[in-house]
Protein backbone atom coordinates (compact mmCIF):
# COMPACT_ATOMS: atom_id res chain seq x y z
CA LEU A 1 -15.45 156.59 -40.57
CA VAL A 2 -14.14 155.77 -44.15
CA SER A 3 -11.19 153.41 -44.17
CA GLY A 4 -9.51 151.12 -46.77
CA LEU A 5 -6.53 148.93 -47.54
CA PHE A 6 -4.57 149.30 -50.80
CA SER A 7 -2.53 146.22 -51.55
CA ARG A 8 -1.08 144.91 -54.90
CA PRO A 9 1.46 142.31 -55.69
CA ARG A 10 3.10 144.52 -58.41
CA LEU A 11 2.50 147.97 -60.10
CA PRO A 12 4.24 150.00 -62.78
CA LEU A 13 7.38 151.74 -61.42
CA GLY A 14 6.47 155.29 -60.38
CA TYR A 15 3.23 156.74 -59.05
CA SER A 16 -0.06 154.95 -58.79
CA TYR A 17 -3.40 156.34 -57.53
CA VAL A 18 -4.78 154.91 -54.21
CA THR A 19 -7.87 157.09 -53.48
CA THR A 20 -9.07 160.55 -53.10
CA VAL A 21 -9.80 162.00 -49.54
CA PRO A 22 -12.67 164.56 -49.96
CA ARG A 23 -12.81 168.22 -48.86
CA GLY A 24 -13.85 168.51 -45.13
CA ALA A 25 -12.24 165.22 -44.09
CA CYS A 26 -10.51 165.24 -40.85
CA ARG A 27 -8.36 162.86 -38.51
CA LEU A 28 -6.56 161.40 -41.63
CA ASN A 29 -4.31 158.49 -40.89
CA ILE A 30 -2.27 156.89 -43.75
CA THR A 31 0.27 154.14 -42.96
CA GLU A 32 2.16 151.29 -44.51
CA ILE A 33 1.31 147.88 -43.27
CA MET A 34 4.85 146.44 -43.66
CA PRO A 35 8.25 148.22 -43.85
CA SER A 36 9.25 148.74 -47.67
CA GLU A 37 11.08 150.78 -50.07
CA ASN A 38 7.74 152.25 -51.44
CA TYR A 39 6.59 155.74 -50.40
CA ILE A 40 3.26 157.30 -49.55
CA ALA A 41 2.71 160.47 -51.73
CA LEU A 42 0.19 163.07 -51.23
CA LYS A 43 -1.06 165.82 -53.63
CA VAL A 44 -3.83 168.30 -53.99
CA THR A 45 -6.29 166.88 -56.45
CA ASN A 46 -5.57 168.40 -59.92
CA GLY A 47 -2.71 170.50 -58.12
CA SER A 48 0.73 170.13 -56.60
CA TYR A 49 2.28 167.49 -54.54
CA ILE A 50 2.54 167.89 -50.77
CA ILE A 51 5.05 165.03 -49.89
CA ASN A 52 7.23 162.65 -51.96
CA GLY A 53 6.27 164.31 -55.34
CA GLU A 54 8.29 164.62 -58.58
CA PHE A 55 10.29 161.40 -57.80
CA ALA A 56 11.96 163.21 -54.81
CA VAL A 57 11.66 161.59 -51.37
CA SER A 58 10.77 164.23 -48.69
CA ALA A 59 12.30 164.56 -45.23
CA PRO A 60 10.15 163.57 -42.30
CA GLY A 61 8.44 166.66 -40.91
CA THR A 62 5.34 168.87 -41.02
CA TYR A 63 3.92 170.08 -44.46
CA GLU A 64 1.21 172.63 -44.77
CA ALA A 65 -1.28 172.37 -47.63
CA ALA A 66 -5.02 172.37 -48.36
CA GLY A 67 -5.58 174.33 -45.17
CA ALA A 68 -4.13 171.63 -42.90
CA ARG A 69 -0.79 170.38 -41.45
CA PHE A 70 0.41 166.92 -42.65
CA MET A 71 2.80 165.24 -40.29
CA TYR A 72 5.03 162.77 -42.17
CA SER A 73 7.27 160.18 -40.63
CA ARG A 74 9.09 157.07 -41.49
CA PRO A 75 9.68 155.03 -38.29
CA ALA A 76 11.30 151.79 -38.90
CA GLY A 77 10.77 152.01 -42.67
CA LEU A 78 7.08 152.48 -42.27
CA ASP A 79 5.74 155.46 -44.13
CA THR A 80 3.04 157.38 -42.00
CA VAL A 81 1.13 160.51 -42.65
CA LEU A 82 -1.31 162.13 -40.13
CA ALA A 83 -3.49 165.19 -40.30
CA LEU A 84 -6.07 166.52 -37.90
CA GLY A 85 -7.75 168.54 -40.47
CA PRO A 86 -10.39 169.43 -41.84
CA ILE A 87 -8.75 169.70 -45.25
CA HIS A 88 -9.95 172.57 -47.51
CA HIS A 89 -9.35 170.80 -50.76
CA PRO A 90 -9.65 167.10 -51.95
CA ILE A 91 -6.24 165.16 -51.60
CA ASP A 92 -5.12 162.23 -53.64
CA ILE A 93 -3.14 159.52 -51.87
CA MET A 94 -0.53 157.99 -54.23
CA VAL A 95 2.06 155.33 -53.67
CA LEU A 96 5.45 155.85 -55.15
CA TYR A 97 6.18 152.21 -56.14
CA THR A 98 9.82 150.76 -56.18
CA GLN A 99 9.39 147.28 -54.84
CA PRO A 100 6.53 144.54 -54.95
CA ASN A 101 3.65 144.11 -52.52
CA PRO A 102 2.95 147.67 -51.37
CA SER A 103 0.23 147.75 -48.62
CA ILE A 104 -1.24 151.02 -47.45
CA LYS A 105 -4.09 151.40 -44.87
CA TYR A 106 -5.89 154.78 -44.71
CA GLU A 107 -8.80 156.13 -42.76
CA TYR A 108 -10.46 159.49 -42.08
CA LEU A 109 -13.68 161.14 -40.80
CA THR A 110 -15.92 162.93 -43.23
CA ASP A 111 -17.14 166.39 -42.60
CA SER A 112 -20.41 165.15 -41.18
CA GLU A 113 -18.60 163.40 -38.36
CA THR A 114 -16.07 166.11 -37.48
CA ASP A 115 -16.01 168.09 -34.30
CA GLU A 116 -14.76 171.45 -33.19
CA THR A 117 -11.04 170.55 -33.24
CA SER A 118 -8.99 171.76 -36.14
CA ASN A 119 -5.61 172.66 -37.31
CA ASP A 120 -6.52 174.95 -39.92
CA ILE A 121 -3.85 177.28 -41.46
CA PRO A 122 -4.30 180.03 -44.03
CA MET A 123 -5.20 178.76 -47.39
CA SER A 124 -2.73 179.02 -50.26
CA ASN A 125 -3.49 178.91 -53.92
CA ASN A 126 -0.93 176.27 -55.09
CA ILE A 127 -2.15 174.38 -58.19
CA PRO A 128 -0.40 172.75 -61.25
CA GLN A 129 0.73 169.02 -62.03
CA HIS A 130 -0.68 165.75 -63.29
CA HIS A 131 -2.64 162.62 -62.01
CA ALA A 132 -1.83 158.97 -62.13
CA GLY A 133 -3.75 155.84 -60.97
CA THR A 134 -4.69 152.23 -60.61
CA ARG A 135 -7.54 150.21 -59.20
CA HIS A 136 -8.27 150.16 -55.43
CA HIS A 137 -11.04 149.12 -53.08
CA ARG A 138 -12.66 151.56 -50.68
CA HIS A 139 -14.04 150.11 -47.38
CA HIS A 140 -16.68 151.95 -45.31
CA ASN A 141 -17.67 151.16 -41.74
CA ALA A 142 -20.87 149.46 -42.79
CA ASN A 143 -18.66 146.84 -44.45
CA HIS A 144 -19.58 148.01 -47.85
CA THR A 145 -17.00 147.78 -50.57
CA ARG A 146 -16.77 148.98 -54.11
CA ALA A 147 -14.07 149.02 -56.76
CA LEU A 148 -12.94 151.99 -58.53
CA ASP A 149 -10.98 152.14 -61.84
CA HIS A 150 -8.60 154.86 -62.65
CA PRO A 151 -6.01 155.29 -65.52
CA LYS A 152 -2.84 153.51 -65.43
CA SER A 153 0.06 155.42 -64.04
CA ASP A 154 3.04 156.82 -65.94
CA THR A 155 5.80 154.27 -65.89
CA THR A 156 8.52 156.69 -66.59
CA LEU A 157 10.84 156.66 -63.57
CA PRO A 158 13.45 159.38 -63.22
CA PHE A 159 16.30 159.00 -60.68
CA PHE A 160 15.14 159.68 -57.09
CA THR A 161 16.55 162.52 -55.03
CA PHE A 162 16.31 162.90 -51.17
CA HIS A 163 15.63 166.16 -49.47
CA ASP A 164 17.05 167.22 -45.99
CA SER A 165 14.88 170.47 -45.91
CA THR A 166 11.39 170.77 -44.51
CA LEU A 167 9.78 171.65 -47.76
CA PRO A 168 10.01 169.42 -50.84
CA LYS A 169 12.00 170.67 -53.85
CA GLN A 170 13.28 168.84 -56.93
CA GLN A 171 17.09 168.33 -57.45
CA PRO A 172 19.00 167.69 -60.68
CA HIS A 173 19.28 164.06 -61.85
CA THR A 174 22.67 162.28 -60.98
CA ASN A 175 24.10 158.81 -61.33
CA THR A 176 26.28 158.95 -58.24
CA LEU A 177 25.60 158.43 -54.58
CA GLU A 178 25.46 161.26 -52.15
CA SER A 179 28.66 161.54 -50.15
CA GLN A 180 28.72 159.07 -47.28
CA SER A 181 30.90 161.60 -45.48
CA GLN A 182 27.60 163.33 -44.43
CA VAL A 183 26.84 160.27 -42.24
CA GLU A 184 27.78 160.65 -38.59
CA THR A 185 30.42 158.28 -37.11
CA ASN A 186 29.95 157.02 -33.52
CA ALA A 187 33.00 156.25 -31.53
CA ILE A 188 33.08 154.11 -28.48
CA GLY A 189 36.50 153.74 -27.07
CA ASN A 190 38.82 152.60 -29.98
CA ARG A 191 35.74 151.24 -31.97
CA LYS A 192 33.99 153.31 -34.64
CA PHE A 193 30.51 152.79 -36.03
CA THR A 194 28.74 154.31 -38.90
CA TRP A 195 25.94 153.81 -41.48
CA LYS A 196 27.12 152.55 -44.77
CA ILE A 197 25.71 151.05 -47.84
CA LEU A 198 27.24 147.53 -48.31
CA SER A 199 25.47 146.58 -51.51
CA PHE A 200 22.69 147.32 -53.99
CA THR A 201 19.70 145.44 -55.22
CA GLN A 202 19.47 143.98 -58.62
CA CYS A 203 18.61 146.37 -61.46
CA SER A 204 14.83 146.71 -61.92
CA ARG A 205 15.11 146.60 -65.64
CA THR A 206 17.34 144.43 -67.98
CA CYS A 207 17.62 146.94 -70.87
CA GLY A 208 18.49 150.18 -69.24
CA GLY A 209 16.43 152.89 -67.56
CA GLY A 210 16.25 150.88 -64.33
CA LEU A 211 16.77 151.42 -60.76
CA GLN A 212 18.94 150.04 -57.94
CA VAL A 213 18.38 150.59 -54.28
CA GLY A 214 20.91 150.60 -51.53
CA LYS A 215 20.12 150.42 -47.99
CA PHE A 216 22.34 151.88 -45.09
CA LYS A 217 23.58 149.25 -42.53
CA CYS A 218 25.23 149.87 -39.30
CA VAL A 219 28.88 148.77 -39.55
CA GLU A 220 32.00 148.82 -37.52
CA VAL A 221 34.83 150.63 -39.25
CA THR A 222 37.98 148.38 -39.30
CA GLY A 223 41.20 148.37 -41.16
CA GLY A 224 39.89 145.51 -43.19
CA GLU A 225 36.38 144.53 -44.33
CA ASP A 226 33.50 146.52 -42.64
CA LYS A 227 31.45 144.26 -40.49
CA GLU A 228 27.59 144.76 -40.13
CA ILE A 229 26.35 144.89 -36.56
CA SER A 230 23.40 145.89 -34.53
CA PRO A 231 21.90 149.31 -35.36
CA ALA A 232 22.08 150.19 -31.64
CA HIS A 233 25.72 151.08 -32.18
CA CYS A 234 25.19 153.75 -34.66
CA GLU A 235 23.97 157.39 -34.04
CA GLY A 236 20.23 157.96 -34.70
CA SER A 237 18.18 156.38 -37.55
CA PRO A 238 19.74 155.01 -40.75
CA PRO A 239 19.61 157.67 -43.57
CA PRO A 240 17.12 157.14 -46.37
CA SER A 241 17.92 154.51 -48.93
CA ARG A 242 19.91 155.70 -52.00
CA ARG A 243 18.92 154.95 -55.49
CA ARG A 244 20.97 154.87 -58.70
CA ARG A 245 20.27 154.29 -62.44
CA CYS A 246 21.31 151.16 -63.96
């Protein structure tokens, strides 16, 4: 078993390298330790992104790449990626950083430890893109730790887009929020409840080119000021956070 914990107080905005999962690895489990507005991104080493690439947040679902199926979910704001494997190409684990203290735990079995179980799919020849990085520690089950240095990540951060389809794609940049009319409204008697952004965080930069994050809250729709209430009153899970340039 190979396992590790990636944790940093701060990183450059954008993508930073965590570790590379080698070819033949299986039973891959990557998850955030604490809920955050950071995202786990996966890419084929020296190839294309699988999830959360090109500054576009992918919808939860199943993504096929490197001969395996990657199951991406975000329960309660915790990014999680699972894959039974084995994978046919090395995979880079990245963090898409937007707020301090990212903490990501990862573990997998190497090919020498695999069994007969597999979720293989036909291989595809998808390869372009770049590579970014930072320092991390890799932990093995023999309590052996070594540090690896990688080039600093690119700090250029375009505006985020969010995808509702099952496969990632990039959408044009925009400074406006997605229409909140797409959010379902739940009616109980004469009371109406919906997910709504009530405020945005401070701008991440003071001289332009920054980012603000707005989280959806469950509110009761009234004639006056909307009132935040328990999420149990609203339909389903809150939509992904919205981001805008500032």
